[in-house]
Amino acid sequence: MAGIAPRIVCIGMPVRDLIFRVEAEPERGSKANASHLSEICGGNALNAAIAIARLGGRVAFTGPMGDAGETSSGFILQRMAQEGIDITHIVRMPDMTTPVSAIMIEPSGERTLTIFRDPGLWRAKLPDADELLADCRAVLVESRCAAFATSLCAEARQRGIPVIVGVDRAMSLQDGLLTVASHLLFASAQLQETAGIAGDGEALKRLAGRTPAFIAATSGPHGTIWLNEKGQLEETPALPVQAVDTLGAGDVFHGAFTLRLAEGEGTREALRFAAAAAALKCTRRGGGLAAPQRVEVDELLRDRPWSNSTAPRRL
């Protein structure tokens, strides 16, 4: 990459993840022994921020965390600093707890999780827009953070800065982020639930009438379906890999996509780059901390032919 790496602002809620590896998801009311335990930092926007940093971007992170004296926030901030993420814009919330999740991962790589988020964290007030958006080339935000992020995202759009929303839960059609976003990256199930219609293709077309944003839906090994500038459906295939851990793969996809947009590439190339980054992440364990380096993604895109040979999906 020539020149200075683009600066990207990520907005979200960092999470302390406790990961248990199990042979199978326990039945209700039962007990199960885990074969391995690991403790990592997570959260949608934080995983994406780690991916952006490793892929060559400059990342500033903002969003609420718990009291300065509680354990989880110190653990997460240390790891963020090690990844080269700017943590000066984190909002500390006195007497509150940083989110914590318990995650069970099966041999197939599929995961089940439970998370606690202190309700008071939603009252966070982000730093001044001039401070956050100076020299900013893109904003990436978790869809769940509309309560404290919408006004900053609206200001970014007024300044011509793209706002990418990573959506991993259904959104209300009245959600402010739905209309201020320049790009909406849905998971397939959440796209259909938001649109209230089965089938990714029809759901995309329905939501296109509600937002001016670029809209795409990811579906793991089935690839990504999206609407081009003519309102036509297109697909970006996934790269077939032997998945061992899908935790954080969607977040890595969002981060990689955002970085390529910030580097001046179009959506088609950004989706291709993101698919490669997410595929590599799935081949290794560690959630978002398993995000690849830039040289790995570039090598994969160079050495693997790009085709439409993905598993069929319902459009």
C-alpha atoms as a PDB file:
ATOM      1  CA  MET A   1       0.000   0.000   0.000  1.00  0.00           C
ATOM      2  CA  ALA A   2       1.367   3.400  -0.926  1.00  0.00           C
ATOM      3  CA  GLY A   3       1.154   6.427   1.319  1.00  0.00           C
ATOM      4  CA  ILE A   4      -0.179   6.703   4.844  1.00  0.00           C
ATOM      5  CA  ALA A   5      -2.487   3.963   6.074  1.00  0.00           C
ATOM      6  CA  PRO A   6      -6.107   5.145   6.382  1.00  0.00           C
ATOM      7  CA  ARG A   7      -7.437   5.986   9.828  1.00  0.00           C
ATOM      8  CA  ILE A   8     -10.677   4.210  10.744  1.00  0.00           C
ATOM      9  CA  VAL A   9     -12.894   4.800  13.775  1.00  0.00           C
ATOM     10  CA  CYS A  10     -14.566   1.703  15.240  1.00  0.00           C
ATOM     11  CA  ILE A  11     -17.545   2.116  17.581  1.00  0.00           C
ATOM     12  CA  GLY A  12     -18.749  -0.667  19.819  1.00  0.00           C
ATOM     13  CA  MET A  13     -18.702  -2.442  23.170  1.00  0.00           C
ATOM     14  CA  PRO A  14     -15.575  -4.467  23.948  1.00  0.00           C
ATOM     15  CA  VAL A  15     -16.216  -7.833  25.583  1.00  0.00           C
ATOM     16  CA  ARG A  16     -14.142 -10.194  27.702  1.00  0.00           C
ATOM     17  CA  ASP A  17     -14.656 -13.670  26.200  1.00  0.00           C
ATOM     18  CA  LEU A  18     -14.320 -16.923  28.106  1.00  0.00           C
ATOM     19  CA  ILE A  19     -14.137 -19.700  25.497  1.00  0.00           C
ATOM     20  CA  PHE A  20     -14.856 -23.343  26.292  1.00  0.00           C
ATOM     21  CA  ARG A  21     -14.201 -26.097  23.742  1.00  0.00           C
ATOM     22  CA  VAL A  22     -16.724 -28.917  24.019  1.00  0.00           C
ATOM     23  CA  GLU A  23     -17.436 -32.103  22.091  1.00  0.00           C
ATOM     24  CA  ALA A  24     -21.101 -31.130  21.711  1.00  0.00           C
ATOM     25  CA  GLU A  25     -23.446 -28.470  23.019  1.00  0.00           C
ATOM     26  CA  PRO A  26     -24.751 -29.681  26.424  1.00  0.00           C
ATOM     27  CA  GLU A  27     -28.390 -30.626  26.726  1.00  0.00           C
ATOM     28  CA  ARG A  28     -30.601 -28.412  28.845  1.00  0.00           C
ATOM     29  CA  GLY A  29     -29.990 -28.968  32.554  1.00  0.00           C
ATOM     30  CA  SER A  30     -26.892 -31.098  31.972  1.00  0.00           C
ATOM     31  CA  LYS A  31     -23.177 -30.651  32.631  1.00  0.00           C
ATOM     32  CA  ALA A  32     -20.328 -30.973  30.171  1.00  0.00           C
ATOM     33  CA  ASN A  33     -16.561 -31.025  30.489  1.00  0.00           C
ATOM     34  CA  ALA A  34     -14.588 -28.639  28.319  1.00  0.00           C
ATOM     35  CA  SER A  35     -11.391 -29.835  26.671  1.00  0.00           C
ATOM     36  CA  HIS A  36      -9.873 -26.359  26.603  1.00  0.00           C
ATOM     37  CA  LEU A  37     -10.401 -22.903  28.124  1.00  0.00           C
ATOM     38  CA  SER A  38      -9.105 -19.633  26.748  1.00  0.00           C
ATOM     39  CA  GLU A  39      -9.681 -16.018  27.705  1.00  0.00           C
ATOM     40  CA  ILE A  40      -9.577 -13.351  25.001  1.00  0.00           C
ATOM     41  CA  CYS A  41     -10.966  -9.907  24.240  1.00  0.00           C
ATOM     42  CA  GLY A  42     -13.900  -9.735  21.844  1.00  0.00           C
ATOM     43  CA  GLY A  43     -16.968  -7.841  20.742  1.00  0.00           C
ATOM     44  CA  ASN A  44     -17.994  -7.162  17.142  1.00  0.00           C
ATOM     45  CA  ALA A  45     -16.301  -3.796  16.645  1.00  0.00           C
ATOM     46  CA  LEU A  46     -13.202  -4.764  18.632  1.00  0.00           C
ATOM     47  CA  ASN A  47     -12.690  -7.931  16.572  1.00  0.00           C
ATOM     48  CA  ALA A  48     -13.065  -5.805  13.440  1.00  0.00           C
ATOM     49  CA  ALA A  49     -10.594  -3.253  14.818  1.00  0.00           C
ATOM     50  CA  ILE A  50      -7.995  -5.972  15.417  1.00  0.00           C
ATOM     51  CA  ALA A  51      -8.482  -7.188  11.854  1.00  0.00           C
ATOM     52  CA  ILE A  52      -8.080  -3.658  10.464  1.00  0.00           C
ATOM     53  CA  ALA A  53      -4.879  -3.097  12.438  1.00  0.00           C
ATOM     54  CA  ARG A  54      -3.371  -6.401  11.292  1.00  0.00           C
ATOM     55  CA  LEU A  55      -4.358  -5.722   7.686  1.00  0.00           C
ATOM     56  CA  GLY A  56      -2.560  -2.392   7.672  1.00  0.00           C
ATOM     57  CA  GLY A  57      -5.029   0.247   8.837  1.00  0.00           C
ATOM     58  CA  ARG A  58      -4.801   2.766  11.664  1.00  0.00           C
ATOM     59  CA  VAL A  59      -7.608   2.218  14.154  1.00  0.00           C
ATOM     60  CA  ALA A  60      -9.146   4.419  16.831  1.00  0.00           C
ATOM     61  CA  PHE A  61     -11.712   2.740  19.046  1.00  0.00           C
ATOM     62  CA  THR A  62     -14.518   4.410  20.957  1.00  0.00           C
ATOM     63  CA  GLY A  63     -17.378   3.068  23.032  1.00  0.00           C
ATOM     64  CA  PRO A  64     -18.243   2.342  26.655  1.00  0.00           C
ATOM     65  CA  MET A  65     -16.310   0.174  29.055  1.00  0.00           C
ATOM     66  CA  GLY A  66     -16.755  -0.455  32.764  1.00  0.00           C
ATOM     67  CA  ASP A  67     -15.290   1.272  35.776  1.00  0.00           C
ATOM     68  CA  ALA A  68     -11.560   1.954  35.658  1.00  0.00           C
ATOM     69  CA  GLY A  69     -11.075  -0.303  38.671  1.00  0.00           C
ATOM     70  CA  GLU A  70     -12.792  -3.443  37.389  1.00  0.00           C
ATOM     71  CA  THR A  71     -10.786  -6.402  36.084  1.00  0.00           C
ATOM     72  CA  SER A  72     -12.189  -7.045  32.623  1.00  0.00           C
ATOM     73  CA  SER A  73     -11.524  -3.578  31.218  1.00  0.00           C
ATOM     74  CA  GLY A  74      -7.859  -3.686  32.204  1.00  0.00           C
ATOM     75  CA  PHE A  75      -7.451  -7.063  30.507  1.00  0.00           C
ATOM     76  CA  ILE A  76      -9.066  -5.824  27.284  1.00  0.00           C
ATOM     77  CA  LEU A  77      -7.261  -2.484  27.131  1.00  0.00           C
ATOM     78  CA  GLN A  78      -3.887  -4.169  27.483  1.00  0.00           C
ATOM     79  CA  ARG A  79      -4.608  -6.404  24.522  1.00  0.00           C
ATOM     80  CA  MET A  80      -5.936  -3.518  22.426  1.00  0.00           C
ATOM     81  CA  ALA A  81      -2.740  -1.568  23.054  1.00  0.00           C
ATOM     82  CA  GLN A  82      -0.669  -4.597  22.021  1.00  0.00           C
ATOM     83  CA  GLU A  83      -2.548  -4.675  18.716  1.00  0.00           C
ATOM     84  CA  GLY A  84      -1.723  -1.021  18.077  1.00  0.00           C
ATOM     85  CA  ILE A  85      -5.302   0.220  18.508  1.00  0.00           C
ATOM     86  CA  ASP A  86      -5.760   3.821  19.700  1.00  0.00           C
ATOM     87  CA  ILE A  87      -7.627   3.523  23.034  1.00  0.00           C
ATOM     88  CA  THR A  88      -7.587   7.197  24.021  1.00  0.00           C
ATOM     89  CA  HIS A  89     -11.262   7.622  23.053  1.00  0.00           C
ATOM     90  CA  ILE A  90     -12.655   4.802  25.230  1.00  0.00           C
ATOM     91  CA  VAL A  91     -15.516   6.017  27.466  1.00  0.00           C
ATOM     92  CA  ARG A  92     -15.137   4.753  31.050  1.00  0.00           C
ATOM     93  CA  MET A  93     -18.421   4.275  32.924  1.00  0.00           C
ATOM     94  CA  PRO A  94     -18.063   4.568  36.728  1.00  0.00           C
ATOM     95  CA  ASP A  95     -19.471   1.723  38.853  1.00  0.00           C
ATOM     96  CA  MET A  96     -20.353  -0.334  35.752  1.00  0.00           C
ATOM     97  CA  THR A  97     -19.090  -3.647  34.403  1.00  0.00           C
ATOM     98  CA  THR A  98     -17.446  -4.304  31.054  1.00  0.00           C
ATOM     99  CA  PRO A  99     -19.399  -6.971  29.115  1.00  0.00           C
ATOM    100  CA  VAL A 100     -18.400 -10.603  29.647  1.00  0.00           C
ATOM    101  CA  SER A 101     -19.393 -13.612  27.522  1.00  0.00           C
ATOM    102  CA  ALA A 102     -19.200 -17.388  27.914  1.00  0.00           C
ATOM    103  CA  ILE A 103     -18.733 -19.166  24.578  1.00  0.00           C
ATOM    104  CA  MET A 104     -18.916 -22.877  23.802  1.00  0.00           C
ATOM    105  CA  ILE A 105     -17.266 -24.004  20.567  1.00  0.00           C
ATOM    106  CA  GLU A 106     -17.886 -27.438  19.033  1.00  0.00           C
ATOM    107  CA  PRO A 107     -15.358 -29.360  16.876  1.00  0.00           C
ATOM    108  CA  SER A 108     -17.137 -28.125  13.720  1.00  0.00           C
ATOM    109  CA  GLY A 109     -16.272 -24.558  14.685  1.00  0.00           C
ATOM    110  CA  GLU A 110     -19.873 -23.578  15.460  1.00  0.00           C
ATOM    111  CA  ARG A 111     -20.391 -21.682  18.684  1.00  0.00           C
ATOM    112  CA  THR A 112     -23.035 -20.943  21.312  1.00  0.00           C
ATOM    113  CA  LEU A 113     -22.690 -17.978  23.645  1.00  0.00           C
ATOM    114  CA  THR A 114     -24.188 -16.132  26.570  1.00  0.00           C
ATOM    115  CA  ILE A 115     -23.271 -12.518  27.265  1.00  0.00           C
ATOM    116  CA  PHE A 116     -23.856  -9.972  30.020  1.00  0.00           C
ATOM    117  CA  ARG A 117     -23.950  -6.267  29.171  1.00  0.00           C
ATOM    118  CA  ASP A 118     -24.509  -3.756  31.946  1.00  0.00           C
ATOM    119  CA  PRO A 119     -27.677  -1.823  30.951  1.00  0.00           C
ATOM    120  CA  GLY A 120     -26.060   1.432  32.038  1.00  0.00           C
ATOM    121  CA  LEU A 121     -23.459   1.213  29.277  1.00  0.00           C
ATOM    122  CA  TRP A 122     -26.055   2.299  26.709  1.00  0.00           C
ATOM    123  CA  ARG A 123     -26.062   5.767  28.299  1.00  0.00           C
ATOM    124  CA  ALA A 124     -22.503   6.442  27.150  1.00  0.00           C
ATOM    125  CA  LYS A 125     -21.700   9.780  25.492  1.00  0.00           C
ATOM    126  CA  LEU A 126     -19.024   9.577  22.835  1.00  0.00           C
ATOM    127  CA  PRO A 127     -16.211  12.150  22.571  1.00  0.00           C
ATOM    128  CA  ASP A 128     -16.500  15.240  20.384  1.00  0.00           C
ATOM    129  CA  ALA A 129     -16.980  14.592  16.668  1.00  0.00           C
ATOM    130  CA  ASP A 130     -14.144  16.901  15.643  1.00  0.00           C
ATOM    131  CA  GLU A 131     -11.801  14.880  17.835  1.00  0.00           C
ATOM    132  CA  LEU A 132     -12.955  11.501  16.556  1.00  0.00           C
ATOM    133  CA  LEU A 133     -13.427  12.296  12.876  1.00  0.00           C
ATOM    134  CA  ALA A 134     -10.236  14.253  12.218  1.00  0.00           C
ATOM    135  CA  ASP A 135      -8.308  12.497   9.438  1.00  0.00           C
ATOM    136  CA  CYS A 136     -10.931   9.717   9.460  1.00  0.00           C
ATOM    137  CA  ARG A 137     -11.469   7.731   6.254  1.00  0.00           C
ATOM    138  CA  ALA A 138     -14.280   5.447   7.474  1.00  0.00           C
ATOM    139  CA  VAL A 139     -16.423   4.638  10.504  1.00  0.00           C
ATOM    140  CA  LEU A 140     -17.351   1.062  11.434  1.00  0.00           C
ATOM    141  CA  VAL A 141     -20.092   0.619  14.029  1.00  0.00           C
ATOM    142  CA  GLU A 142     -21.950  -2.269  15.654  1.00  0.00           C
ATOM    143  CA  SER A 143     -25.665  -2.109  14.865  1.00  0.00           C
ATOM    144  CA  ARG A 144     -26.562  -2.534  18.540  1.00  0.00           C
ATOM    145  CA  CYS A 145     -24.841   0.776  19.379  1.00  0.00           C
ATOM    146  CA  ALA A 146     -27.377   3.093  17.730  1.00  0.00           C
ATOM    147  CA  ALA A 147     -28.340   4.647  21.081  1.00  0.00           C
ATOM    148  CA  PHE A 148     -25.002   6.413  21.488  1.00  0.00           C
ATOM    149  CA  ALA A 149     -23.494   6.218  17.981  1.00  0.00           C
ATOM    150  CA  THR A 150     -26.149   7.515  15.551  1.00  0.00           C
ATOM    151  CA  SER A 151     -25.401  11.221  15.948  1.00  0.00           C
ATOM    152  CA  LEU A 152     -21.673  10.727  15.376  1.00  0.00           C
ATOM    153  CA  CYS A 153     -22.391   8.549  12.331  1.00  0.00           C
ATOM    154  CA  ALA A 154     -24.727  11.195  10.930  1.00  0.00           C
ATOM    155  CA  GLU A 155     -21.990  13.792  11.349  1.00  0.00           C
ATOM    156  CA  ALA A 156     -19.519  11.516   9.590  1.00  0.00           C
ATOM    157  CA  ARG A 157     -21.858  11.169   6.614  1.00  0.00           C
ATOM    158  CA  GLN A 158     -22.266  14.957   6.439  1.00  0.00           C
ATOM    159  CA  ARG A 159     -18.489  15.152   6.138  1.00  0.00           C
ATOM    160  CA  GLY A 160     -18.471  12.591   3.334  1.00  0.00           C
ATOM    161  CA  ILE A 161     -17.037   9.803   5.465  1.00  0.00           C
ATOM    162  CA  PRO A 162     -18.454   6.316   4.783  1.00  0.00           C
ATOM    163  CA  VAL A 163     -20.259   4.651   7.698  1.00  0.00           C
ATOM    164  CA  ILE A 164     -20.260   0.861   7.654  1.00  0.00           C
ATOM    165  CA  VAL A 165     -22.690  -0.921   9.996  1.00  0.00           C
ATOM    166  CA  GLY A 166     -22.001  -4.524  10.952  1.00  0.00           C
ATOM    167  CA  VAL A 167     -25.399  -6.111  11.616  1.00  0.00           C
ATOM    168  CA  ASP A 168     -25.563  -9.386  13.570  1.00  0.00           C
ATOM    169  CA  ARG A 169     -29.042  -8.926  15.033  1.00  0.00           C
ATOM    170  CA  ALA A 170     -32.345  -7.774  13.581  1.00  0.00           C
ATOM    171  CA  MET A 171     -32.763  -4.000  13.269  1.00  0.00           C
ATOM    172  CA  SER A 172     -35.888  -1.931  13.696  1.00  0.00           C
ATOM    173  CA  LEU A 173     -36.978  -0.224  10.487  1.00  0.00           C
ATOM    174  CA  GLN A 174     -36.939   2.978  12.545  1.00  0.00           C
ATOM    175  CA  ASP A 175     -33.330   2.497  13.636  1.00  0.00           C
ATOM    176  CA  GLY A 176     -31.346   5.638  12.928  1.00  0.00           C
ATOM    177  CA  LEU A 177     -28.331   3.669  11.713  1.00  0.00           C
ATOM    178  CA  LEU A 178     -30.451   2.147   8.955  1.00  0.00           C
ATOM    179  CA  THR A 179     -30.716   5.506   7.226  1.00  0.00           C
ATOM    180  CA  VAL A 180     -27.411   7.212   8.135  1.00  0.00           C
ATOM    181  CA  ALA A 181     -25.260   4.263   7.040  1.00  0.00           C
ATOM    182  CA  SER A 182     -23.490   4.246   3.689  1.00  0.00           C
ATOM    183  CA  HIS A 183     -23.014   0.456   3.879  1.00  0.00           C
ATOM    184  CA  LEU A 184     -25.022  -2.183   5.764  1.00  0.00           C
ATOM    185  CA  LEU A 185     -23.440  -5.620   6.158  1.00  0.00           C
ATOM    186  CA  PHE A 186     -26.059  -8.067   7.463  1.00  0.00           C
ATOM    187  CA  ALA A 187     -25.817 -11.675   8.512  1.00  0.00           C
ATOM    188  CA  SER A 188     -28.360 -13.591   6.429  1.00  0.00           C
ATOM    189  CA  ALA A 189     -30.797 -14.503   9.211  1.00  0.00           C
ATOM    190  CA  GLN A 190     -30.807 -10.953  10.588  1.00  0.00           C
ATOM    191  CA  LEU A 191     -31.404  -9.509   7.119  1.00  0.00           C
ATOM    192  CA  GLN A 192     -34.518 -11.621   6.654  1.00  0.00           C
ATOM    193  CA  GLU A 193     -35.781 -10.878  10.146  1.00  0.00           C
ATOM    194  CA  THR A 194     -35.260  -7.139   9.662  1.00  0.00           C
ATOM    195  CA  ALA A 195     -37.032  -7.145   6.294  1.00  0.00           C
ATOM    196  CA  GLY A 196     -39.767  -9.510   7.495  1.00  0.00           C
ATOM    197  CA  ILE A 197     -39.425 -11.737   4.444  1.00  0.00           C
ATOM    198  CA  ALA A 198     -37.781 -15.079   3.643  1.00  0.00           C
ATOM    199  CA  GLY A 199     -34.979 -15.265   1.105  1.00  0.00           C
ATOM    200  CA  ASP A 200     -31.954 -12.990   1.056  1.00  0.00           C
ATOM    201  CA  GLY A 201     -32.609 -11.621  -2.413  1.00  0.00           C
ATOM    202  CA  GLU A 202     -36.151 -10.468  -1.704  1.00  0.00           C
ATOM    203  CA  ALA A 203     -35.130  -9.169   1.719  1.00  0.00           C
ATOM    204  CA  LEU A 204     -32.364  -7.066   0.164  1.00  0.00           C
ATOM    205  CA  LYS A 205     -34.765  -5.570  -2.357  1.00  0.00           C
ATOM    206  CA  ARG A 206     -37.314  -4.731   0.320  1.00  0.00           C
ATOM    207  CA  LEU A 207     -34.750  -3.001   2.540  1.00  0.00           C
ATOM    208  CA  ALA A 208     -33.390  -1.080  -0.445  1.00  0.00           C
ATOM    209  CA  GLY A 209     -36.637   0.872  -0.359  1.00  0.00           C
ATOM    210  CA  ARG A 210     -35.952   1.884   3.255  1.00  0.00           C
ATOM    211  CA  THR A 211     -32.333   3.020   3.052  1.00  0.00           C
ATOM    212  CA  PRO A 212     -30.008   4.589   0.491  1.00  0.00           C
ATOM    213  CA  ALA A 213     -27.142   2.439   1.785  1.00  0.00           C
ATOM    214  CA  PHE A 214     -25.317  -0.331  -0.025  1.00  0.00           C
ATOM    215  CA  ILE A 215     -26.725  -3.578   1.424  1.00  0.00           C
ATOM    216  CA  ALA A 216     -25.157  -7.032   1.581  1.00  0.00           C
ATOM    217  CA  ALA A 217     -25.910 -10.276   3.411  1.00  0.00           C
ATOM    218  CA  THR A 218     -23.265 -12.799   4.435  1.00  0.00           C
ATOM    219  CA  SER A 219     -23.942 -16.495   4.914  1.00  0.00           C
ATOM    220  CA  GLY A 220     -20.692 -18.203   5.894  1.00  0.00           C
ATOM    221  CA  PRO A 221     -19.624 -20.821   3.311  1.00  0.00           C
ATOM    222  CA  HIS A 222     -22.488 -19.738   1.025  1.00  0.00           C
ATOM    223  CA  GLY A 223     -20.800 -16.410   0.354  1.00  0.00           C
ATOM    224  CA  THR A 224     -22.272 -12.917   0.197  1.00  0.00           C
ATOM    225  CA  ILE A 225     -25.246 -11.628  -1.794  1.00  0.00           C
ATOM    226  CA  TRP A 226     -25.629  -7.909  -2.479  1.00  0.00           C
ATOM    227  CA  LEU A 227     -27.360  -5.302  -4.593  1.00  0.00           C
ATOM    228  CA  ASN A 228     -25.302  -3.425  -7.157  1.00  0.00           C
ATOM    229  CA  GLU A 229     -25.849   0.181  -8.216  1.00  0.00           C
ATOM    230  CA  LYS A 230     -28.535  -0.938 -10.690  1.00  0.00           C
ATOM    231  CA  GLY A 231     -30.487  -2.780  -7.992  1.00  0.00           C
ATOM    232  CA  GLN A 232     -29.442  -6.161  -9.384  1.00  0.00           C
ATOM    233  CA  LEU A 233     -28.423  -9.099  -7.220  1.00  0.00           C
ATOM    234  CA  GLU A 234     -24.800 -10.188  -7.294  1.00  0.00           C
ATOM    235  CA  GLU A 235     -22.861 -12.762  -5.294  1.00  0.00           C
ATOM    236  CA  THR A 236     -19.337 -12.824  -3.927  1.00  0.00           C
ATOM    237  CA  PRO A 237     -18.337 -16.430  -3.259  1.00  0.00           C
ATOM    238  CA  ALA A 238     -16.729 -17.636  -0.063  1.00  0.00           C
ATOM    239  CA  LEU A 239     -13.371 -19.365  -0.254  1.00  0.00           C
ATOM    240  CA  PRO A 240     -13.749 -23.035   0.747  1.00  0.00           C
ATOM    241  CA  VAL A 241     -11.679 -23.802   3.863  1.00  0.00           C
ATOM    242  CA  GLN A 242     -11.636 -26.339   6.668  1.00  0.00           C
ATOM    243  CA  ALA A 243     -13.217 -24.276   9.438  1.00  0.00           C
ATOM    244  CA  VAL A 244     -12.085 -24.906  13.012  1.00  0.00           C
ATOM    245  CA  ASP A 245     -13.465 -21.742  14.642  1.00  0.00           C
ATOM    246  CA  THR A 246     -16.072 -19.369  13.171  1.00  0.00           C
ATOM    247  CA  LEU A 247     -16.104 -17.061  16.221  1.00  0.00           C
ATOM    248  CA  GLY A 248     -15.371 -13.526  15.020  1.00  0.00           C
ATOM    249  CA  ALA A 249     -15.333 -14.414  11.316  1.00  0.00           C
ATOM    250  CA  GLY A 250     -18.130 -11.977  10.486  1.00  0.00           C
ATOM    251  CA  ASP A 251     -16.375  -9.229  12.422  1.00  0.00           C
ATOM    252  CA  VAL A 252     -13.129  -9.839  10.529  1.00  0.00           C
ATOM    253  CA  PHE A 253     -15.150  -9.649   7.306  1.00  0.00           C
ATOM    254  CA  HIS A 254     -16.556  -6.259   8.356  1.00  0.00           C
ATOM    255  CA  GLY A 255     -13.145  -4.908   9.298  1.00  0.00           C
ATOM    256  CA  ALA A 256     -11.489  -6.055   6.080  1.00  0.00           C
ATOM    257  CA  PHE A 257     -14.334  -4.649   3.968  1.00  0.00           C
ATOM    258  CA  THR A 258     -14.109  -1.287   5.734  1.00  0.00           C
ATOM    259  CA  LEU A 259     -10.354  -1.071   5.277  1.00  0.00           C
ATOM    260  CA  ARG A 260     -10.523  -1.689   1.538  1.00  0.00           C
ATOM    261  CA  LEU A 261     -13.186   0.976   1.156  1.00  0.00           C
ATOM    262  CA  ALA A 262     -11.009   3.389   3.139  1.00  0.00           C
ATOM    263  CA  GLU A 263      -8.120   2.542   0.825  1.00  0.00           C
ATOM    264  CA  GLY A 264     -10.236   3.720  -2.105  1.00  0.00           C
ATOM    265  CA  GLU A 265     -11.415   0.408  -3.555  1.00  0.00           C
ATOM    266  CA  GLY A 266     -14.980  -0.258  -4.715  1.00  0.00           C
ATOM    267  CA  THR A 267     -17.476  -2.543  -3.023  1.00  0.00           C
ATOM    268  CA  ARG A 268     -16.815  -5.521  -5.316  1.00  0.00           C
ATOM    269  CA  GLU A 269     -13.103  -5.606  -4.499  1.00  0.00           C
ATOM    270  CA  ALA A 270     -13.806  -4.859  -0.817  1.00  0.00           C
ATOM    271  CA  LEU A 271     -16.147  -7.868  -0.612  1.00  0.00           C
ATOM    272  CA  ARG A 272     -13.582 -10.103  -2.269  1.00  0.00           C
ATOM    273  CA  PHE A 273     -10.852  -8.989   0.135  1.00  0.00           C
ATOM    274  CA  ALA A 274     -13.187  -9.428   3.122  1.00  0.00           C
ATOM    275  CA  ALA A 275     -14.135 -12.956   2.045  1.00  0.00           C
ATOM    276  CA  ALA A 276     -10.466 -13.950   1.951  1.00  0.00           C
ATOM    277  CA  ALA A 277      -9.732 -12.440   5.369  1.00  0.00           C
ATOM    278  CA  ALA A 278     -12.746 -14.169   6.950  1.00  0.00           C
ATOM    279  CA  ALA A 279     -11.821 -17.511   5.366  1.00  0.00           C
ATOM    280  CA  LEU A 280      -8.316 -17.371   6.816  1.00  0.00           C
ATOM    281  CA  LYS A 281      -9.683 -16.488  10.245  1.00  0.00           C
ATOM    282  CA  CYS A 282     -11.905 -19.604  10.201  1.00  0.00           C
ATOM    283  CA  THR A 283      -8.874 -21.868   9.751  1.00  0.00           C
ATOM    284  CA  ARG A 284      -7.460 -20.956  13.163  1.00  0.00           C
ATOM    285  CA  ARG A 285      -8.719 -20.692  16.714  1.00  0.00           C
ATOM    286  CA  GLY A 286      -8.911 -17.582  18.862  1.00  0.00           C
ATOM    287  CA  GLY A 287     -11.929 -15.536  17.814  1.00  0.00           C
ATOM    288  CA  GLY A 288     -11.023 -12.093  16.490  1.00  0.00           C
ATOM    289  CA  LEU A 289      -7.472 -12.564  17.759  1.00  0.00           C
ATOM    290  CA  ALA A 290      -7.063 -15.116  14.956  1.00  0.00           C
ATOM    291  CA  ALA A 291      -7.481 -12.390  12.319  1.00  0.00           C
ATOM    292  CA  PRO A 292      -4.879 -12.723   9.537  1.00  0.00           C
ATOM    293  CA  GLN A 293      -2.051 -10.402   8.545  1.00  0.00           C
ATOM    294  CA  ARG A 294      -2.203  -8.447   5.277  1.00  0.00           C
ATOM    295  CA  VAL A 295       0.457 -10.535   3.581  1.00  0.00           C
ATOM    296  CA  GLU A 296      -1.617 -13.683   4.188  1.00  0.00           C
ATOM    297  CA  VAL A 297      -4.716 -12.233   2.572  1.00  0.00           C
ATOM    298  CA  ASP A 298      -2.802 -10.877  -0.393  1.00  0.00           C
ATOM    299  CA  GLU A 299      -1.129 -14.255  -0.882  1.00  0.00           C
ATOM    300  CA  LEU A 300      -4.433 -16.126  -0.705  1.00  0.00           C
ATOM    301  CA  LEU A 301      -6.039 -13.841  -3.272  1.00  0.00           C
ATOM    302  CA  ARG A 302      -3.052 -14.237  -5.547  1.00  0.00           C
ATOM    303  CA  ASP A 303      -2.734 -18.013  -5.284  1.00  0.00           C
ATOM    304  CA  ARG A 304      -6.374 -19.139  -5.157  1.00  0.00           C
ATOM    305  CA  PRO A 305      -8.477 -18.775  -8.331  1.00  0.00           C
ATOM    306  CA  TRP A 306     -11.645 -16.774  -7.784  1.00  0.00           C
ATOM    307  CA  SER A 307     -14.756 -18.560  -8.992  1.00  0.00           C
ATOM    308  CA  ASN A 308     -18.445 -18.901  -8.256  1.00  0.00           C
ATOM    309  CA  SER A 309     -18.005 -22.421  -6.835  1.00  0.00           C
ATOM    310  CA  THR A 310     -19.648 -21.950  -3.462  1.00  0.00           C
ATOM    311  CA  ALA A 311     -22.361 -23.988  -1.829  1.00  0.00           C
ATOM    312  CA  PRO A 312     -25.781 -23.089  -3.277  1.00  0.00           C
ATOM    313  CA  ARG A 313     -27.965 -20.733  -1.299  1.00  0.00           C
ATOM    314  CA  ARG A 314     -31.566 -19.634  -1.377  1.00  0.00           C
ATOM    315  CA  LEU A 315     -31.859 -16.172  -2.867  1.00  0.00           C
END
